[in-house]
Amino acid sequence: MIVHRPLLLGEEEETVLFESRAKLFRMVETEWKERGLGPMKILERKDTGKCRILMRREQVHKVCANHVIAPQMKLQSMGDKGNGE
């Protein structure tokens, strides 16, 4: 008999403020290397109000980005700058 249990990812105490499918890159020496592809979320903890960016790879759910968003940080759209030019 197969028992299906819900997958607990540690995000149960957080509210999703934003979510989008994204591709993450990292700079290795002089070139960009792909780090992962999957859902990128901005999460807010219900108890503290602190926010973080979390990204997991599709299918395997392995974390490829997990960063706190500090109050002094400014997040903004890249507009046309995000097209690789």
N, C-alpha and C. Protein backbone atom coordinates (compact mmCIF):
# COMPACT_ATOMS: atom_id res chain seq x y z
N MET A 1 0.84 -1.18 0.00
CA MET A 1 0.00 0.00 0.00
C MET A 1 0.89 1.25 0.00
N ILE A 2 0.58 2.17 -0.87
CA ILE A 2 1.33 3.42 -0.97
C ILE A 2 0.57 4.50 -0.21
N VAL A 3 1.27 5.17 0.70
CA VAL A 3 0.68 6.26 1.47
C VAL A 3 1.26 7.56 0.96
N HIS A 4 0.40 8.46 0.53
CA HIS A 4 0.84 9.77 0.04
C HIS A 4 0.75 10.78 1.17
N ARG A 5 1.86 11.42 1.46
CA ARG A 5 1.91 12.46 2.48
C ARG A 5 2.22 13.79 1.82
N PRO A 6 1.69 14.87 2.38
CA PRO A 6 2.02 16.18 1.80
C PRO A 6 3.51 16.49 1.97
N LEU A 7 4.08 17.13 0.98
CA LEU A 7 5.49 17.48 1.01
C LEU A 7 5.67 18.74 1.85
N LEU A 8 6.38 18.64 2.97
CA LEU A 8 6.63 19.78 3.85
C LEU A 8 7.97 20.41 3.45
N LEU A 9 7.92 21.68 3.05
CA LEU A 9 9.11 22.36 2.54
C LEU A 9 9.63 23.43 3.49
N GLY A 10 9.00 23.61 4.65
CA GLY A 10 9.44 24.63 5.58
C GLY A 10 8.87 26.00 5.30
N GLU A 11 7.90 26.08 4.40
CA GLU A 11 7.30 27.36 4.03
C GLU A 11 5.89 27.51 4.62
N GLU A 12 5.50 26.59 5.49
CA GLU A 12 4.14 26.57 6.00
C GLU A 12 3.79 27.78 6.86
N GLU A 13 4.77 28.39 7.51
CA GLU A 13 4.53 29.55 8.39
C GLU A 13 4.75 30.87 7.65
N GLU A 14 4.75 30.84 6.31
CA GLU A 14 5.02 32.04 5.52
C GLU A 14 3.90 32.29 4.52
N THR A 15 3.73 33.56 4.19
CA THR A 15 2.75 33.98 3.19
C THR A 15 3.49 34.31 1.90
N VAL A 16 2.97 33.82 0.77
CA VAL A 16 3.58 34.11 -0.53
C VAL A 16 3.10 35.49 -0.98
N LEU A 17 4.05 36.43 -1.13
CA LEU A 17 3.72 37.78 -1.60
C LEU A 17 3.83 37.88 -3.12
N PHE A 18 4.72 37.07 -3.70
CA PHE A 18 4.96 37.07 -5.15
C PHE A 18 5.50 35.71 -5.53
N GLU A 19 5.11 35.23 -6.72
CA GLU A 19 5.67 33.98 -7.23
C GLU A 19 5.70 34.03 -8.75
N SER A 20 6.83 33.58 -9.32
CA SER A 20 6.98 33.54 -10.77
C SER A 20 8.01 32.48 -11.13
N ARG A 21 7.85 31.87 -12.28
CA ARG A 21 8.85 30.93 -12.77
C ARG A 21 10.05 31.74 -13.23
N ALA A 22 11.24 31.31 -12.84
CA ALA A 22 12.44 32.10 -13.13
C ALA A 22 13.63 31.20 -13.42
N LYS A 23 14.64 31.79 -14.01
CA LYS A 23 15.90 31.11 -14.25
C LYS A 23 16.98 31.89 -13.50
N LEU A 24 17.76 31.19 -12.70
CA LEU A 24 18.80 31.81 -11.87
C LEU A 24 20.17 31.57 -12.49
N PHE A 25 20.97 32.61 -12.57
CA PHE A 25 22.33 32.52 -13.09
C PHE A 25 23.32 32.96 -12.03
N ARG A 26 24.55 32.48 -12.15
CA ARG A 26 25.65 32.93 -11.28
C ARG A 26 26.86 33.22 -12.16
N MET A 27 27.68 34.17 -11.70
CA MET A 27 28.88 34.54 -12.46
C MET A 27 30.02 33.62 -12.06
N VAL A 28 30.60 32.94 -13.04
CA VAL A 28 31.76 32.08 -12.82
C VAL A 28 32.88 32.64 -13.69
N GLU A 29 33.88 33.20 -13.01
CA GLU A 29 35.00 33.88 -13.67
C GLU A 29 34.46 34.97 -14.58
N THR A 30 34.37 34.76 -15.88
CA THR A 30 33.94 35.83 -16.79
C THR A 30 32.64 35.52 -17.52
N GLU A 31 31.94 34.44 -17.12
CA GLU A 31 30.72 34.10 -17.83
C GLU A 31 29.60 33.69 -16.87
N TRP A 32 28.37 33.84 -17.33
CA TRP A 32 27.20 33.47 -16.55
C TRP A 32 26.90 31.99 -16.74
N LYS A 33 26.66 31.29 -15.63
CA LYS A 33 26.30 29.87 -15.65
C LYS A 33 24.90 29.72 -15.05
N GLU A 34 24.10 28.84 -15.64
CA GLU A 34 22.76 28.62 -15.11
C GLU A 34 22.84 27.87 -13.79
N ARG A 35 22.10 28.36 -12.80
CA ARG A 35 22.11 27.76 -11.46
C ARG A 35 20.84 26.95 -11.20
N GLY A 36 19.75 27.34 -11.84
CA GLY A 36 18.51 26.61 -11.63
C GLY A 36 17.34 27.24 -12.37
N LEU A 37 16.28 26.44 -12.54
CA LEU A 37 15.05 26.87 -13.18
C LEU A 37 13.90 26.39 -12.31
N GLY A 38 13.00 27.29 -11.95
CA GLY A 38 11.88 26.89 -11.12
C GLY A 38 11.16 28.09 -10.53
N PRO A 39 10.24 27.83 -9.61
CA PRO A 39 9.47 28.93 -9.02
C PRO A 39 10.31 29.76 -8.05
N MET A 40 10.27 31.07 -8.23
CA MET A 40 10.94 32.01 -7.34
C MET A 40 9.83 32.72 -6.56
N LYS A 41 9.97 32.75 -5.24
CA LYS A 41 8.93 33.33 -4.39
C LYS A 41 9.51 34.40 -3.48
N ILE A 42 8.69 35.39 -3.18
CA ILE A 42 8.98 36.32 -2.09
C ILE A 42 8.02 35.92 -0.97
N LEU A 43 8.60 35.49 0.15
CA LEU A 43 7.83 34.98 1.28
C LEU A 43 7.94 35.91 2.49
N GLU A 44 6.86 36.03 3.25
CA GLU A 44 6.86 36.83 4.48
C GLU A 44 6.47 35.95 5.65
N ARG A 45 7.29 35.97 6.70
CA ARG A 45 6.98 35.19 7.90
C ARG A 45 5.80 35.84 8.62
N LYS A 46 4.86 35.01 9.04
CA LYS A 46 3.66 35.52 9.71
C LYS A 46 3.97 36.09 11.08
N ASP A 47 4.95 35.51 11.80
CA ASP A 47 5.23 35.95 13.17
C ASP A 47 6.15 37.17 13.25
N THR A 48 7.12 37.30 12.36
CA THR A 48 8.09 38.41 12.45
C THR A 48 7.90 39.48 11.39
N GLY A 49 7.23 39.15 10.28
CA GLY A 49 7.06 40.10 9.19
C GLY A 49 8.28 40.21 8.28
N LYS A 50 9.33 39.43 8.55
CA LYS A 50 10.54 39.45 7.72
C LYS A 50 10.27 38.73 6.40
N CYS A 51 10.92 39.23 5.34
CA CYS A 51 10.72 38.67 4.00
C CYS A 51 12.02 38.05 3.48
N ARG A 52 11.85 37.10 2.56
CA ARG A 52 13.00 36.47 1.93
C ARG A 52 12.64 36.06 0.51
N ILE A 53 13.67 35.89 -0.30
CA ILE A 53 13.51 35.35 -1.65
C ILE A 53 13.91 33.88 -1.57
N LEU A 54 13.05 33.02 -2.07
CA LEU A 54 13.31 31.58 -2.08
C LEU A 54 13.06 31.05 -3.48
N MET A 55 14.02 30.28 -3.99
CA MET A 55 13.85 29.65 -5.29
C MET A 55 14.27 28.20 -5.18
N ARG A 56 13.41 27.33 -5.70
CA ARG A 56 13.69 25.89 -5.71
C ARG A 56 13.73 25.40 -7.15
N ARG A 57 14.59 24.42 -7.41
CA ARG A 57 14.65 23.82 -8.73
C ARG A 57 13.38 22.99 -8.97
N GLU A 58 12.88 23.06 -10.21
CA GLU A 58 11.70 22.28 -10.56
C GLU A 58 11.96 20.79 -10.38
N GLN A 59 10.94 20.07 -10.07
CA GLN A 59 10.90 18.61 -9.92
C GLN A 59 11.63 18.11 -8.68
N VAL A 60 12.87 18.53 -8.42
CA VAL A 60 13.62 18.01 -7.27
C VAL A 60 13.43 18.86 -6.02
N HIS A 61 12.91 20.08 -6.15
CA HIS A 61 12.64 21.01 -5.05
C HIS A 61 13.89 21.40 -4.27
N LYS A 62 15.07 21.26 -4.85
CA LYS A 62 16.31 21.64 -4.17
C LYS A 62 16.44 23.18 -4.18
N VAL A 63 16.79 23.73 -3.02
CA VAL A 63 16.92 25.19 -2.90
C VAL A 63 18.15 25.66 -3.69
N CYS A 64 17.94 26.65 -4.56
CA CYS A 64 19.07 27.23 -5.30
C CYS A 64 19.26 28.70 -4.94
N ALA A 65 18.31 29.31 -4.23
CA ALA A 65 18.47 30.68 -3.73
C ALA A 65 17.61 30.84 -2.49
N ASN A 66 18.18 31.43 -1.45
CA ASN A 66 17.47 31.69 -0.20
C ASN A 66 18.14 32.90 0.45
N HIS A 67 17.54 34.08 0.26
CA HIS A 67 18.16 35.32 0.71
C HIS A 67 17.15 36.18 1.46
N VAL A 68 17.56 36.71 2.59
CA VAL A 68 16.73 37.65 3.36
C VAL A 68 16.67 38.97 2.60
N ILE A 69 15.50 39.60 2.63
CA ILE A 69 15.35 40.94 2.06
C ILE A 69 15.41 41.93 3.22
N ALA A 70 16.49 42.69 3.28
CA ALA A 70 16.68 43.67 4.35
C ALA A 70 15.91 44.96 4.03
N PRO A 71 15.47 45.69 5.06
CA PRO A 71 14.69 46.91 4.85
C PRO A 71 15.40 47.95 3.98
N GLN A 72 16.74 48.00 4.03
CA GLN A 72 17.45 49.01 3.25
C GLN A 72 17.62 48.63 1.78
N MET A 73 17.25 47.41 1.40
CA MET A 73 17.35 46.98 0.00
C MET A 73 16.22 47.58 -0.82
N LYS A 74 16.52 47.85 -2.09
CA LYS A 74 15.51 48.38 -2.99
C LYS A 74 15.34 47.37 -4.13
N LEU A 75 14.13 46.82 -4.26
CA LEU A 75 13.83 45.88 -5.33
C LEU A 75 13.06 46.62 -6.41
N GLN A 76 13.50 46.45 -7.65
CA GLN A 76 12.82 47.11 -8.75
C GLN A 76 12.95 46.28 -10.01
N SER A 77 12.04 46.51 -10.94
CA SER A 77 12.05 45.82 -12.22
C SER A 77 13.24 46.27 -13.05
N MET A 78 13.84 45.32 -13.79
CA MET A 78 14.94 45.67 -14.68
C MET A 78 14.43 46.26 -15.99
N GLY A 79 13.14 46.12 -16.26
CA GLY A 79 12.57 46.62 -17.51
C GLY A 79 13.22 45.92 -18.69
N ASP A 80 13.66 46.67 -19.68
CA ASP A 80 14.29 46.10 -20.87
C ASP A 80 15.72 45.64 -20.63
N LYS A 81 16.30 45.96 -19.48
CA LYS A 81 17.68 45.57 -19.20
C LYS A 81 17.83 44.07 -18.98
N GLY A 82 16.73 43.37 -18.71
CA GLY A 82 16.78 41.95 -18.43
C GLY A 82 16.80 41.07 -19.66
N ASN A 83 17.00 41.65 -20.85
CA ASN A 83 16.95 40.87 -22.07
C ASN A 83 18.31 40.35 -22.51
N GLY A 84 19.34 40.45 -21.67
CA GLY A 84 20.65 39.90 -22.00
C GLY A 84 21.57 40.87 -22.71
N GLU A 85 21.12 42.09 -22.95
CA GLU A 85 21.98 43.06 -23.64
C GLU A 85 22.70 43.94 -22.64
